[in-house]
Amino acid sequence: MKHILSLSLASALVLGLAACNDDSKETAQPAPVKQEESKTEQAAKEVAKAVEPVAKSVEETAEKAVEEVKKAAETVADEAEKTVETVTQEAEKAAAPIVEKVEEAVKTAEAALLSGDAAKGEKVFNKCKACHTAEEGGKHKIGPNLFGVIGRTAGTADGFTKYSDAMVAYGQTWTPELVVEYVENPSNFLKDKTGDTSAKSKMTFKLRDDQDRVDVAAYLDSLK
């Protein structure tokens, strides 16, 4: 009886150990997981290799596209510049006759304006006598003697040394037209003619009336 029990117990123990071994075999199987992970990594690498040439191709295509766009833009800019030059030249040609007519009209208007009255201008000159004489051989006063001023170089009256630096720098030959401009605003005249914004004339008197300026210029033009 004891032997039977011992055999039964031994059998039970063997079966139990076998079951434990089976359980341990079933639960401890990490290798397949690792195998699965390695397969995933391998697949990722293969995808990366497959995508890499595609990415390079896309990048190269994009660079080429940018270069093409730049070239096209440069071509368009060149054509636009040529077109602008052509249009400008054509516009200048078309405007030339109009400009000539305007210039002629201005000259005609100036000529009409400068047909002043010397007799009236002599009376207007009374406003200037505080600073100027106008007879031949007359003395200089605060300003130079103005006999023969038309046709004389600005800033060069014999014996007169009180000219402003701006007047000497101007140094152009006086004409009736220039006298008309000058007496309206002497300092502004010199600034405009010399391009020097600091230029000033020592003559502070301004003759505002258009006809008075034309008449006094006609009077000075008669003093020869």
N, C-alpha and C. Protein backbone atom coordinates (compact mmCIF):
# COMPACT_ATOMS: atom_id res chain seq x y z
N MET A 1 0.85 -1.19 0.00
CA MET A 1 0.00 0.00 0.00
C MET A 1 0.87 1.23 0.00
N LYS A 2 1.90 1.24 0.87
CA LYS A 2 2.84 2.35 0.93
C LYS A 2 3.53 2.54 -0.43
N HIS A 3 3.90 1.45 -1.07
CA HIS A 3 4.53 1.56 -2.38
C HIS A 3 3.61 2.19 -3.40
N ILE A 4 2.36 1.83 -3.32
CA ILE A 4 1.38 2.39 -4.28
C ILE A 4 1.26 3.87 -4.08
N LEU A 5 1.18 4.30 -2.79
CA LEU A 5 1.08 5.72 -2.49
C LEU A 5 2.34 6.46 -2.95
N SER A 6 3.47 5.81 -2.74
CA SER A 6 4.72 6.46 -3.13
C SER A 6 4.79 6.63 -4.64
N LEU A 7 4.34 5.62 -5.35
CA LEU A 7 4.33 5.73 -6.82
C LEU A 7 3.36 6.80 -7.27
N SER A 8 2.22 6.84 -6.61
CA SER A 8 1.21 7.86 -6.99
C SER A 8 1.75 9.25 -6.73
N LEU A 9 2.38 9.41 -5.56
CA LEU A 9 2.93 10.73 -5.21
C LEU A 9 4.04 11.12 -6.18
N ALA A 10 4.89 10.12 -6.48
CA ALA A 10 5.99 10.40 -7.41
C ALA A 10 5.45 10.77 -8.78
N SER A 11 4.40 10.08 -9.19
CA SER A 11 3.80 10.39 -10.49
C SER A 11 3.24 11.81 -10.50
N ALA A 12 2.59 12.13 -9.37
CA ALA A 12 2.01 13.47 -9.28
C ALA A 12 3.09 14.54 -9.36
N LEU A 13 4.19 14.29 -8.67
CA LEU A 13 5.29 15.26 -8.67
C LEU A 13 5.87 15.42 -10.08
N VAL A 14 6.05 14.29 -10.75
CA VAL A 14 6.59 14.34 -12.13
C VAL A 14 5.68 15.12 -13.04
N LEU A 15 4.36 14.82 -12.91
CA LEU A 15 3.38 15.54 -13.74
C LEU A 15 3.39 17.03 -13.43
N GLY A 16 3.50 17.35 -12.13
CA GLY A 16 3.52 18.78 -11.73
C GLY A 16 4.73 19.49 -12.29
N LEU A 17 5.87 18.81 -12.21
CA LEU A 17 7.08 19.44 -12.75
C LEU A 17 6.99 19.61 -14.26
N ALA A 18 6.42 18.61 -14.87
CA ALA A 18 6.26 18.71 -16.33
C ALA A 18 5.36 19.87 -16.70
N ALA A 19 4.27 20.00 -15.89
CA ALA A 19 3.35 21.12 -16.17
C ALA A 19 4.04 22.46 -15.99
N CYS A 20 4.85 22.54 -14.91
CA CYS A 20 5.59 23.80 -14.66
C CYS A 20 6.52 24.11 -15.82
N ASN A 21 7.18 23.04 -16.29
CA ASN A 21 8.10 23.25 -17.42
C ASN A 21 7.37 23.74 -18.65
N ASP A 22 6.16 23.15 -18.88
CA ASP A 22 5.35 23.58 -20.03
C ASP A 22 4.93 25.02 -19.91
N ASP A 23 4.52 25.36 -18.62
CA ASP A 23 4.07 26.76 -18.41
C ASP A 23 5.21 27.73 -18.66
N SER A 24 6.39 27.35 -18.16
CA SER A 24 7.53 28.25 -18.34
C SER A 24 7.90 28.40 -19.81
N LYS A 25 7.74 27.33 -20.59
CA LYS A 25 8.02 27.41 -22.02
C LYS A 25 7.02 28.29 -22.73
N GLU A 26 5.74 28.22 -22.24
CA GLU A 26 4.69 29.00 -22.92
C GLU A 26 4.83 30.48 -22.62
N THR A 27 5.21 30.80 -21.37
CA THR A 27 5.24 32.23 -20.99
C THR A 27 6.52 32.91 -21.41
N ALA A 28 7.61 32.26 -21.39
CA ALA A 28 8.91 32.90 -21.68
C ALA A 28 9.30 32.70 -23.13
N GLN A 29 8.78 33.60 -24.01
CA GLN A 29 9.12 33.54 -25.43
C GLN A 29 9.42 34.95 -25.97
N PRO A 30 10.49 35.58 -25.50
CA PRO A 30 10.81 36.94 -25.95
C PRO A 30 11.39 36.99 -27.35
N ALA A 31 11.94 35.86 -27.78
CA ALA A 31 12.63 35.85 -29.08
C ALA A 31 11.75 36.30 -30.23
N PRO A 32 10.48 35.81 -30.30
CA PRO A 32 9.65 36.25 -31.43
C PRO A 32 9.43 37.74 -31.44
N VAL A 33 9.29 38.37 -30.22
CA VAL A 33 9.08 39.82 -30.15
C VAL A 33 10.28 40.54 -30.71
N LYS A 34 11.48 40.09 -30.26
CA LYS A 34 12.70 40.70 -30.77
C LYS A 34 12.80 40.52 -32.28
N GLN A 35 12.37 39.37 -32.72
CA GLN A 35 12.42 39.11 -34.16
C GLN A 35 11.49 40.05 -34.90
N GLU A 36 10.29 40.29 -34.24
CA GLU A 36 9.34 41.21 -34.87
C GLU A 36 9.94 42.61 -34.91
N GLU A 37 10.60 43.04 -33.84
CA GLU A 37 11.20 44.37 -33.80
C GLU A 37 12.28 44.51 -34.86
N SER A 38 13.08 43.52 -35.03
CA SER A 38 14.13 43.60 -36.04
C SER A 38 13.55 43.67 -37.45
N LYS A 39 12.46 42.98 -37.66
CA LYS A 39 11.81 43.04 -38.96
C LYS A 39 11.27 44.45 -39.21
N THR A 40 10.71 45.10 -38.16
CA THR A 40 10.18 46.46 -38.30
C THR A 40 11.30 47.45 -38.62
N GLU A 41 12.41 47.29 -37.88
CA GLU A 41 13.54 48.16 -38.15
C GLU A 41 14.05 47.98 -39.57
N GLN A 42 14.11 46.74 -39.99
CA GLN A 42 14.58 46.45 -41.34
C GLN A 42 13.65 47.06 -42.39
N ALA A 43 12.35 46.96 -42.11
CA ALA A 43 11.37 47.53 -43.04
C ALA A 43 11.51 49.05 -43.10
N ALA A 44 11.74 49.68 -41.91
CA ALA A 44 11.91 51.14 -41.86
C ALA A 44 13.12 51.57 -42.67
N LYS A 45 14.21 50.81 -42.52
CA LYS A 45 15.41 51.12 -43.28
C LYS A 45 15.19 51.01 -44.78
N GLU A 46 14.47 49.99 -45.15
CA GLU A 46 14.19 49.80 -46.57
C GLU A 46 13.33 50.94 -47.12
N VAL A 47 12.35 51.39 -46.29
CA VAL A 47 11.50 52.52 -46.72
C VAL A 47 12.35 53.78 -46.86
N ALA A 48 13.24 53.98 -45.86
CA ALA A 48 14.11 55.17 -45.91
C ALA A 48 14.96 55.16 -47.16
N LYS A 49 15.52 53.99 -47.49
CA LYS A 49 16.33 53.88 -48.69
C LYS A 49 15.52 54.17 -49.94
N ALA A 50 14.29 53.68 -49.94
CA ALA A 50 13.42 53.88 -51.10
C ALA A 50 13.02 55.35 -51.25
N VAL A 51 12.81 56.04 -50.10
CA VAL A 51 12.35 57.44 -50.12
C VAL A 51 13.50 58.39 -50.45
N GLU A 52 14.72 58.04 -50.04
CA GLU A 52 15.86 58.94 -50.20
C GLU A 52 16.06 59.42 -51.64
N PRO A 53 16.08 58.55 -52.63
CA PRO A 53 16.23 59.05 -54.01
C PRO A 53 15.06 59.90 -54.46
N VAL A 54 13.86 59.55 -53.95
CA VAL A 54 12.68 60.36 -54.30
C VAL A 54 12.82 61.76 -53.75
N ALA A 55 13.29 61.85 -52.47
CA ALA A 55 13.47 63.16 -51.84
C ALA A 55 14.51 63.98 -52.60
N LYS A 56 15.62 63.33 -52.97
CA LYS A 56 16.65 64.03 -53.73
C LYS A 56 16.11 64.52 -55.06
N SER A 57 15.33 63.67 -55.69
CA SER A 57 14.75 64.04 -56.98
C SER A 57 13.83 65.24 -56.84
N VAL A 58 13.02 65.22 -55.77
CA VAL A 58 12.10 66.35 -55.53
C VAL A 58 12.89 67.62 -55.27
N GLU A 59 13.96 67.52 -54.46
CA GLU A 59 14.79 68.68 -54.15
C GLU A 59 15.44 69.25 -55.41
N GLU A 60 15.98 68.35 -56.24
CA GLU A 60 16.61 68.80 -57.48
C GLU A 60 15.60 69.45 -58.40
N THR A 61 14.41 68.87 -58.45
CA THR A 61 13.35 69.42 -59.30
C THR A 61 12.95 70.82 -58.82
N ALA A 62 12.87 70.97 -57.47
CA ALA A 62 12.51 72.27 -56.90
C ALA A 62 13.57 73.31 -57.22
N GLU A 63 14.85 72.94 -57.10
CA GLU A 63 15.94 73.86 -57.43
C GLU A 63 15.90 74.27 -58.89
N LYS A 64 15.66 73.29 -59.75
CA LYS A 64 15.57 73.60 -61.18
C LYS A 64 14.41 74.54 -61.46
N ALA A 65 13.29 74.29 -60.75
CA ALA A 65 12.11 75.13 -60.95
C ALA A 65 12.40 76.57 -60.53
N VAL A 66 13.12 76.72 -59.40
CA VAL A 66 13.47 78.06 -58.92
C VAL A 66 14.37 78.75 -59.93
N GLU A 67 15.35 78.04 -60.46
CA GLU A 67 16.25 78.61 -61.44
C GLU A 67 15.50 79.03 -62.70
N GLU A 68 14.57 78.20 -63.11
CA GLU A 68 13.77 78.53 -64.30
C GLU A 68 12.94 79.78 -64.07
N VAL A 69 12.37 79.88 -62.85
CA VAL A 69 11.57 81.05 -62.52
C VAL A 69 12.44 82.30 -62.53
N LYS A 70 13.66 82.20 -61.96
CA LYS A 70 14.57 83.34 -61.95
C LYS A 70 14.91 83.78 -63.37
N LYS A 71 15.23 82.80 -64.23
CA LYS A 71 15.57 83.12 -65.61
C LYS A 71 14.39 83.78 -66.32
N ALA A 72 13.21 83.22 -66.08
CA ALA A 72 12.01 83.80 -66.71
C ALA A 72 11.77 85.22 -66.22
N ALA A 73 11.98 85.45 -64.91
CA ALA A 73 11.79 86.78 -64.35
C ALA A 73 12.78 87.77 -64.94
N GLU A 74 14.04 87.34 -65.08
CA GLU A 74 15.05 88.21 -65.67
C GLU A 74 14.71 88.56 -67.12
N THR A 75 14.22 87.58 -67.83
CA THR A 75 13.83 87.82 -69.22
C THR A 75 12.69 88.83 -69.29
N VAL A 76 11.70 88.64 -68.41
CA VAL A 76 10.56 89.56 -68.39
C VAL A 76 11.02 90.97 -68.03
N ALA A 77 11.94 91.08 -67.04
CA ALA A 77 12.45 92.39 -66.62
C ALA A 77 13.18 93.07 -67.77
N ASP A 78 14.01 92.30 -68.48
CA ASP A 78 14.74 92.86 -69.63
C ASP A 78 13.78 93.36 -70.71
N GLU A 79 12.78 92.55 -70.99
CA GLU A 79 11.80 92.93 -72.02
C GLU A 79 11.03 94.17 -71.59
N ALA A 80 10.68 94.22 -70.28
CA ALA A 80 9.94 95.38 -69.76
C ALA A 80 10.78 96.64 -69.87
N GLU A 81 12.09 96.52 -69.54
CA GLU A 81 12.98 97.68 -69.63
C GLU A 81 13.10 98.16 -71.07
N LYS A 82 13.24 97.22 -71.99
CA LYS A 82 13.32 97.59 -73.41
C LYS A 82 12.02 98.27 -73.86
N THR A 83 10.90 97.72 -73.38
CA THR A 83 9.62 98.30 -73.76
C THR A 83 9.48 99.72 -73.24
N VAL A 84 9.92 99.93 -71.97
CA VAL A 84 9.85 101.27 -71.38
C VAL A 84 10.71 102.25 -72.17
N GLU A 85 11.93 101.81 -72.53
CA GLU A 85 12.81 102.67 -73.31
C GLU A 85 12.20 103.03 -74.65
N THR A 86 11.60 102.02 -75.28
CA THR A 86 10.97 102.26 -76.58
C THR A 86 9.80 103.23 -76.45
N VAL A 87 8.98 103.00 -75.43
CA VAL A 87 7.82 103.88 -75.22
C VAL A 87 8.28 105.30 -74.91
N THR A 88 9.34 105.41 -74.09
CA THR A 88 9.87 106.73 -73.74
C THR A 88 10.37 107.46 -74.98
N GLN A 89 11.11 106.76 -75.81
CA GLN A 89 11.63 107.37 -77.03
C GLN A 89 10.50 107.81 -77.95
N GLU A 90 9.49 106.94 -78.09
CA GLU A 90 8.35 107.28 -78.94
C GLU A 90 7.59 108.47 -78.37
N ALA A 91 7.46 108.50 -77.03
CA ALA A 91 6.76 109.61 -76.40
C ALA A 91 7.51 110.93 -76.60
N GLU A 92 8.84 110.85 -76.50
CA GLU A 92 9.66 112.05 -76.72
C GLU A 92 9.53 112.55 -78.15
N LYS A 93 9.54 111.60 -79.09
CA LYS A 93 9.38 111.99 -80.49
C LYS A 93 8.02 112.62 -80.73
N ALA A 94 6.98 111.99 -80.14
CA ALA A 94 5.63 112.52 -80.33
C ALA A 94 5.47 113.89 -79.67
N ALA A 95 6.16 114.07 -78.53
CA ALA A 95 6.00 115.32 -77.78
C ALA A 95 6.86 116.45 -78.34
N ALA A 96 7.89 116.11 -79.12
CA ALA A 96 8.83 117.12 -79.63
C ALA A 96 8.14 118.29 -80.33
N PRO A 97 7.22 118.03 -81.26
CA PRO A 97 6.55 119.17 -81.92
C PRO A 97 5.76 120.03 -80.94
N ILE A 98 5.15 119.37 -79.95
CA ILE A 98 4.38 120.11 -78.97
C ILE A 98 5.30 120.98 -78.13
N VAL A 99 6.44 120.40 -77.73
CA VAL A 99 7.41 121.16 -76.93
C VAL A 99 7.92 122.37 -77.70
N GLU A 100 8.18 122.17 -78.98
CA GLU A 100 8.66 123.28 -79.81
C GLU A 100 7.63 124.41 -79.87
N LYS A 101 6.36 124.01 -80.01
CA LYS A 101 5.29 125.02 -80.08
C LYS A 101 5.17 125.77 -78.75
N VAL A 102 5.31 125.02 -77.65
CA VAL A 102 5.23 125.66 -76.34
C VAL A 102 6.38 126.63 -76.16
N GLU A 103 7.59 126.21 -76.55
CA GLU A 103 8.76 127.09 -76.43
C GLU A 103 8.59 128.34 -77.28
N GLU A 104 8.04 128.16 -78.47
CA GLU A 104 7.80 129.33 -79.33
C GLU A 104 6.78 130.27 -78.70
N ALA A 105 5.74 129.66 -78.08
CA ALA A 105 4.71 130.48 -77.44
C ALA A 105 5.30 131.25 -76.26
N VAL A 106 6.19 130.57 -75.51
CA VAL A 106 6.82 131.24 -74.37
C VAL A 106 7.69 132.40 -74.85
N LYS A 107 8.46 132.15 -75.91
CA LYS A 107 9.31 133.21 -76.45
C LYS A 107 8.46 134.39 -76.94
N THR A 108 7.35 134.05 -77.58
CA THR A 108 6.46 135.11 -78.07
C THR A 108 5.89 135.91 -76.91
N ALA A 109 5.50 135.17 -75.85
CA ALA A 109 4.94 135.83 -74.67
C ALA A 109 5.99 136.70 -73.99
N GLU A 110 7.22 136.19 -73.93
CA GLU A 110 8.30 136.97 -73.33
C GLU A 110 8.58 138.23 -74.14
N ALA A 111 8.58 138.04 -75.46
CA ALA A 111 8.83 139.20 -76.31
C ALA A 111 7.74 140.25 -76.13
N ALA A 112 6.49 139.77 -76.05
CA ALA A 112 5.37 140.70 -75.85
C ALA A 112 5.48 141.38 -74.49
N LEU A 113 5.88 140.58 -73.49
CA LEU A 113 6.00 141.13 -72.14
C LEU A 113 7.10 142.16 -72.07
N LEU A 114 8.20 141.88 -72.79
CA LEU A 114 9.34 142.76 -72.71
C LEU A 114 9.27 143.96 -73.65
N SER A 115 8.14 144.13 -74.26
CA SER A 115 7.96 145.35 -75.06
C SER A 115 7.49 146.46 -74.13
N GLY A 116 8.38 146.76 -73.16
CA GLY A 116 8.03 147.78 -72.16
C GLY A 116 8.16 149.19 -72.70
N ASP A 117 7.73 150.10 -71.88
CA ASP A 117 7.76 151.52 -72.24
C ASP A 117 8.91 152.18 -71.47
N ALA A 118 9.94 152.59 -72.20
CA ALA A 118 11.12 153.17 -71.56
C ALA A 118 10.79 154.46 -70.80
N ALA A 119 9.86 155.25 -71.36
CA ALA A 119 9.48 156.50 -70.69
C ALA A 119 8.83 156.22 -69.35
N LYS A 120 7.94 155.21 -69.34
CA LYS A 120 7.33 154.82 -68.08
C LYS A 120 8.37 154.22 -67.14
N GLY A 121 9.31 153.49 -67.73
CA GLY A 121 10.35 152.89 -66.92
C GLY A 121 11.24 153.91 -66.24
N GLU A 122 11.45 155.06 -66.91
CA GLU A 122 12.24 156.13 -66.28
C GLU A 122 11.57 156.64 -65.01
N LYS A 123 10.25 156.71 -65.07
CA LYS A 123 9.50 157.14 -63.88
C LYS A 123 9.59 156.08 -62.78
N VAL A 124 9.50 154.79 -63.19
CA VAL A 124 9.62 153.70 -62.22
C VAL A 124 10.99 153.73 -61.57
N PHE A 125 12.01 154.14 -62.35
CA PHE A 125 13.38 154.14 -61.85
C PHE A 125 13.56 155.13 -60.69
N ASN A 126 12.64 156.07 -60.54
CA ASN A 126 12.73 156.99 -59.41
C ASN A 126 12.75 156.23 -58.08
N LYS A 127 12.15 155.02 -58.07
CA LYS A 127 12.15 154.20 -56.85
C LYS A 127 13.55 153.64 -56.56
N CYS A 128 14.40 153.65 -57.58
CA CYS A 128 15.73 153.04 -57.47
C CYS A 128 16.83 154.06 -57.20
N LYS A 129 16.51 155.35 -57.29
CA LYS A 129 17.54 156.39 -57.24
C LYS A 129 18.18 156.54 -55.87
N ALA A 130 17.57 155.98 -54.84
CA ALA A 130 18.19 156.05 -53.52
C ALA A 130 19.50 155.27 -53.50
N CYS A 131 19.60 154.26 -54.38
CA CYS A 131 20.80 153.39 -54.38
C CYS A 131 21.58 153.42 -55.69
N HIS A 132 20.97 153.93 -56.78
CA HIS A 132 21.63 153.86 -58.09
C HIS A 132 21.53 155.19 -58.84
N THR A 133 22.54 155.44 -59.63
CA THR A 133 22.46 156.49 -60.65
C THR A 133 22.32 155.79 -61.99
N ALA A 134 21.90 156.55 -63.03
CA ALA A 134 21.70 155.91 -64.33
C ALA A 134 22.19 156.78 -65.48
N GLU A 135 22.90 157.87 -65.19
CA GLU A 135 23.43 158.72 -66.25
C GLU A 135 24.86 158.31 -66.59
N GLU A 136 25.26 158.61 -67.81
CA GLU A 136 26.61 158.24 -68.24
C GLU A 136 27.65 158.96 -67.39
N GLY A 137 28.57 158.19 -66.84
CA GLY A 137 29.61 158.77 -65.99
C GLY A 137 29.12 159.04 -64.58
N GLY A 138 27.90 158.62 -64.27
CA GLY A 138 27.36 158.87 -62.93
C GLY A 138 28.14 158.13 -61.85
N LYS A 139 28.06 158.67 -60.63
CA LYS A 139 28.80 158.08 -59.52
C LYS A 139 28.09 156.82 -59.01
N HIS A 140 28.87 155.96 -58.44
CA HIS A 140 28.30 154.80 -57.75
C HIS A 140 27.75 155.27 -56.40
N LYS A 141 26.70 154.65 -55.99
CA LYS A 141 26.13 154.96 -54.66
C LYS A 141 26.19 153.67 -53.84
N ILE A 142 25.14 153.33 -53.12
CA ILE A 142 25.11 152.04 -52.40
C ILE A 142 25.22 150.91 -53.41
N GLY A 143 24.57 151.14 -54.58
CA GLY A 143 24.67 150.21 -55.69
C GLY A 143 25.42 150.85 -56.84
N PRO A 144 25.77 150.08 -57.85
CA PRO A 144 26.57 150.62 -58.96
C PRO A 144 25.74 151.52 -59.87
N ASN A 145 26.44 152.37 -60.62
CA ASN A 145 25.79 153.15 -61.67
C ASN A 145 25.28 152.17 -62.73
N LEU A 146 24.03 152.37 -63.20
CA LEU A 146 23.40 151.41 -64.09
C LEU A 146 23.36 151.86 -65.55
N PHE A 147 24.07 152.92 -65.89
CA PHE A 147 24.14 153.30 -67.29
C PHE A 147 24.93 152.22 -68.04
N GLY A 148 24.33 151.70 -69.09
CA GLY A 148 24.97 150.66 -69.88
C GLY A 148 24.99 149.30 -69.21
N VAL A 149 24.12 149.09 -68.22
CA VAL A 149 24.12 147.80 -67.52
C VAL A 149 23.70 146.65 -68.44
N ILE A 150 22.78 146.95 -69.39
CA ILE A 150 22.38 145.89 -70.34
C ILE A 150 23.54 145.61 -71.28
N GLY A 151 23.99 144.37 -71.28
CA GLY A 151 25.15 143.98 -72.07
C GLY A 151 26.42 143.91 -71.24
N ARG A 152 26.32 144.30 -69.98
CA ARG A 152 27.49 144.26 -69.09
C ARG A 152 27.46 142.97 -68.26
N THR A 153 28.64 142.46 -67.94
CA THR A 153 28.72 141.26 -67.11
C THR A 153 28.38 141.61 -65.67
N ALA A 154 27.51 140.80 -65.07
CA ALA A 154 27.10 141.05 -63.69
C ALA A 154 28.30 141.06 -62.76
N GLY A 155 28.32 142.04 -61.86
CA GLY A 155 29.40 142.12 -60.87
C GLY A 155 30.68 142.74 -61.39
N THR A 156 30.60 143.55 -62.48
CA THR A 156 31.85 144.09 -63.06
C THR A 156 31.80 145.58 -63.37
N ALA A 157 30.95 146.35 -62.71
CA ALA A 157 30.94 147.80 -62.99
C ALA A 157 32.28 148.41 -62.56
N ASP A 158 32.89 149.20 -63.45
CA ASP A 158 34.20 149.81 -63.15
C ASP A 158 34.12 150.67 -61.90
N GLY A 159 35.02 150.40 -60.98
CA GLY A 159 35.11 151.24 -59.80
C GLY A 159 34.17 150.85 -58.67
N PHE A 160 33.29 149.90 -58.91
CA PHE A 160 32.36 149.49 -57.84
C PHE A 160 32.84 148.17 -57.24
N THR A 161 33.01 148.16 -55.90
CA THR A 161 33.57 146.97 -55.24
C THR A 161 32.66 146.37 -54.17
N LYS A 162 31.42 146.81 -54.15
CA LYS A 162 30.52 146.36 -53.08
C LYS A 162 29.57 145.24 -53.51
N TYR A 163 29.91 144.56 -54.58
CA TYR A 163 29.07 143.45 -55.03
C TYR A 163 29.11 142.31 -54.02
N SER A 164 28.02 141.61 -53.92
CA SER A 164 28.00 140.40 -53.08
C SER A 164 28.79 139.30 -53.77
N ASP A 165 29.27 138.35 -52.99
CA ASP A 165 30.01 137.22 -53.56
C ASP A 165 29.13 136.46 -54.55
N ALA A 166 27.83 136.37 -54.25
CA ALA A 166 26.91 135.64 -55.12
C ALA A 166 26.77 136.31 -56.48
N MET A 167 26.74 137.64 -56.49
CA MET A 167 26.63 138.37 -57.76
C MET A 167 27.88 138.17 -58.60
N VAL A 168 29.03 138.22 -57.97
CA VAL A 168 30.28 138.01 -58.70
C VAL A 168 30.33 136.58 -59.24
N ALA A 169 29.87 135.64 -58.42
CA ALA A 169 29.87 134.23 -58.85
C ALA A 169 28.90 134.02 -60.00
N TYR A 170 27.80 134.77 -60.03
CA TYR A 170 26.82 134.63 -61.12
C TYR A 170 27.48 135.01 -62.44
N GLY A 171 28.01 136.20 -62.53
CA GLY A 171 28.86 136.61 -63.65
C GLY A 171 28.30 136.45 -65.05
N GLN A 172 26.99 136.55 -65.24
CA GLN A 172 26.42 136.45 -66.58
C GLN A 172 26.15 137.84 -67.15
N THR A 173 25.97 137.89 -68.46
CA THR A 173 25.70 139.17 -69.12
C THR A 173 24.24 139.57 -68.92
N TRP A 174 24.05 140.81 -68.50
CA TRP A 174 22.68 141.27 -68.25
C TRP A 174 21.92 141.48 -69.56
N THR A 175 20.68 140.99 -69.58
CA THR A 175 19.74 141.22 -70.68
C THR A 175 18.48 141.82 -70.06
N PRO A 176 17.62 142.41 -70.88
CA PRO A 176 16.37 142.92 -70.31
C PRO A 176 15.57 141.83 -69.58
N GLU A 177 15.57 140.63 -70.16
CA GLU A 177 14.84 139.53 -69.54
C GLU A 177 15.37 139.22 -68.14
N LEU A 178 16.70 139.20 -68.03
CA LEU A 178 17.31 138.90 -66.73
C LEU A 178 17.06 140.02 -65.72
N VAL A 179 17.07 141.25 -66.17
CA VAL A 179 16.78 142.37 -65.28
C VAL A 179 15.36 142.24 -64.73
N VAL A 180 14.42 141.86 -65.60
CA VAL A 180 13.03 141.67 -65.16
C VAL A 180 12.95 140.62 -64.07
N GLU A 181 13.68 139.54 -64.25
CA GLU A 181 13.69 138.47 -63.23
C GLU A 181 14.36 138.94 -61.95
N TYR A 182 15.48 139.63 -62.10
CA TYR A 182 16.29 139.99 -60.94
C TYR A 182 15.57 140.95 -59.99
N VAL A 183 14.98 141.99 -60.54
CA VAL A 183 14.40 143.03 -59.67
C VAL A 183 13.13 142.54 -58.96
N GLU A 184 12.59 141.41 -59.38
CA GLU A 184 11.42 140.88 -58.66
C GLU A 184 11.81 140.39 -57.28
N ASN A 185 12.94 139.67 -57.19
CA ASN A 185 13.44 139.17 -55.91
C ASN A 185 14.93 138.85 -56.10
N PRO A 186 15.81 139.82 -55.83
CA PRO A 186 17.24 139.65 -56.14
C PRO A 186 17.89 138.42 -55.51
N SER A 187 17.65 138.18 -54.24
CA SER A 187 18.30 137.03 -53.59
C SER A 187 17.80 135.70 -54.16
N ASN A 188 16.50 135.59 -54.36
CA ASN A 188 15.96 134.36 -54.95
C ASN A 188 16.50 134.14 -56.36
N PHE A 189 16.67 135.23 -57.09
CA PHE A 189 17.24 135.15 -58.44
C PHE A 189 18.63 134.52 -58.40
N LEU A 190 19.48 135.00 -57.50
CA LEU A 190 20.85 134.48 -57.41
C LEU A 190 20.87 133.04 -56.91
N LYS A 191 19.99 132.71 -56.00
CA LYS A 191 19.92 131.32 -55.52
C LYS A 191 19.56 130.39 -56.67
N ASP A 192 18.59 130.82 -57.48
CA ASP A 192 18.13 129.99 -58.59
C ASP A 192 19.20 129.87 -59.68
N LYS A 193 19.84 130.97 -59.99
CA LYS A 193 20.81 130.98 -61.09
C LYS A 193 22.14 130.32 -60.73
N THR A 194 22.56 130.45 -59.47
CA THR A 194 23.85 129.88 -59.07
C THR A 194 23.71 128.48 -58.48
N GLY A 195 22.49 128.11 -58.05
CA GLY A 195 22.30 126.82 -57.40
C GLY A 195 22.78 126.81 -55.96
N ASP A 196 23.13 127.99 -55.44
CA ASP A 196 23.60 128.11 -54.06
C ASP A 196 22.45 128.61 -53.20
N THR A 197 21.96 127.73 -52.32
CA THR A 197 20.79 128.09 -51.49
C THR A 197 21.12 129.16 -50.45
N SER A 198 22.41 129.41 -50.24
CA SER A 198 22.79 130.45 -49.27
C SER A 198 23.12 131.78 -49.96
N ALA A 199 22.98 131.82 -51.28
CA ALA A 199 23.31 133.04 -52.02
C ALA A 199 22.39 134.19 -51.62
N LYS A 200 22.99 135.39 -51.51
CA LYS A 200 22.21 136.58 -51.17
C LYS A 200 22.69 137.76 -52.00
N SER A 201 21.75 138.63 -52.30
CA SER A 201 22.09 139.87 -52.99
C SER A 201 22.09 141.00 -51.97
N LYS A 202 22.97 141.97 -52.17
CA LYS A 202 22.97 143.13 -51.28
C LYS A 202 21.81 144.07 -51.59
N MET A 203 21.16 143.83 -52.75
CA MET A 203 19.98 144.62 -53.10
C MET A 203 18.75 143.99 -52.44
N THR A 204 18.15 144.72 -51.51
CA THR A 204 16.99 144.20 -50.78
C THR A 204 15.67 144.68 -51.37
N PHE A 205 15.73 145.71 -52.22
CA PHE A 205 14.51 146.24 -52.83
C PHE A 205 13.92 145.24 -53.83
N LYS A 206 12.60 145.12 -53.84
CA LYS A 206 11.92 144.20 -54.76
C LYS A 206 10.83 144.97 -55.51
N LEU A 207 10.87 144.82 -56.81
CA LEU A 207 9.86 145.49 -57.64
C LEU A 207 8.81 144.45 -58.01
N ARG A 208 7.66 144.53 -57.36
CA ARG A 208 6.66 143.47 -57.46
C ARG A 208 5.81 143.52 -58.72
N ASP A 209 5.51 144.72 -59.21
CA ASP A 209 4.57 144.86 -60.34
C ASP A 209 5.23 144.39 -61.64
N ASP A 210 4.53 143.47 -62.36
CA ASP A 210 5.08 142.90 -63.59
C ASP A 210 5.39 143.98 -64.63
N GLN A 211 4.43 144.90 -64.86
CA GLN A 211 4.63 145.92 -65.89
C GLN A 211 5.73 146.89 -65.51
N ASP A 212 5.83 147.22 -64.22
CA ASP A 212 6.90 148.11 -63.77
C ASP A 212 8.27 147.50 -64.05
N ARG A 213 8.38 146.21 -63.84
CA ARG A 213 9.67 145.54 -64.07
C ARG A 213 10.03 145.58 -65.55
N VAL A 214 9.02 145.33 -66.41
CA VAL A 214 9.26 145.35 -67.86
C VAL A 214 9.63 146.76 -68.32
N ASP A 215 8.94 147.74 -67.79
CA ASP A 215 9.21 149.12 -68.19
C ASP A 215 10.59 149.59 -67.74
N VAL A 216 10.99 149.26 -66.50
CA VAL A 216 12.30 149.72 -66.02
C VAL A 216 13.42 148.99 -66.77
N ALA A 217 13.16 147.73 -67.18
CA ALA A 217 14.16 147.03 -67.99
C ALA A 217 14.29 147.68 -69.35
N ALA A 218 13.17 148.15 -69.92
CA ALA A 218 13.20 148.85 -71.22
C ALA A 218 13.96 150.16 -71.06
N TYR A 219 13.77 150.82 -69.94
CA TYR A 219 14.47 152.08 -69.71
C TYR A 219 15.98 151.85 -69.60
N LEU A 220 16.39 150.86 -68.84
CA LEU A 220 17.82 150.57 -68.69
C LEU A 220 18.42 150.14 -70.02
N ASP A 221 17.63 149.46 -70.84
CA ASP A 221 18.11 148.99 -72.15
C ASP A 221 18.33 150.19 -73.10
N SER A 222 17.65 151.28 -72.80
CA SER A 222 17.79 152.47 -73.66
C SER A 222 19.02 153.29 -73.30
N LEU A 223 19.64 152.99 -72.17
CA LEU A 223 20.79 153.79 -71.70
C LEU A 223 22.10 153.23 -72.28
N LYS A 224 22.43 153.69 -73.49
CA LYS A 224 23.63 153.18 -74.17
C LYS A 224 24.43 154.33 -74.76
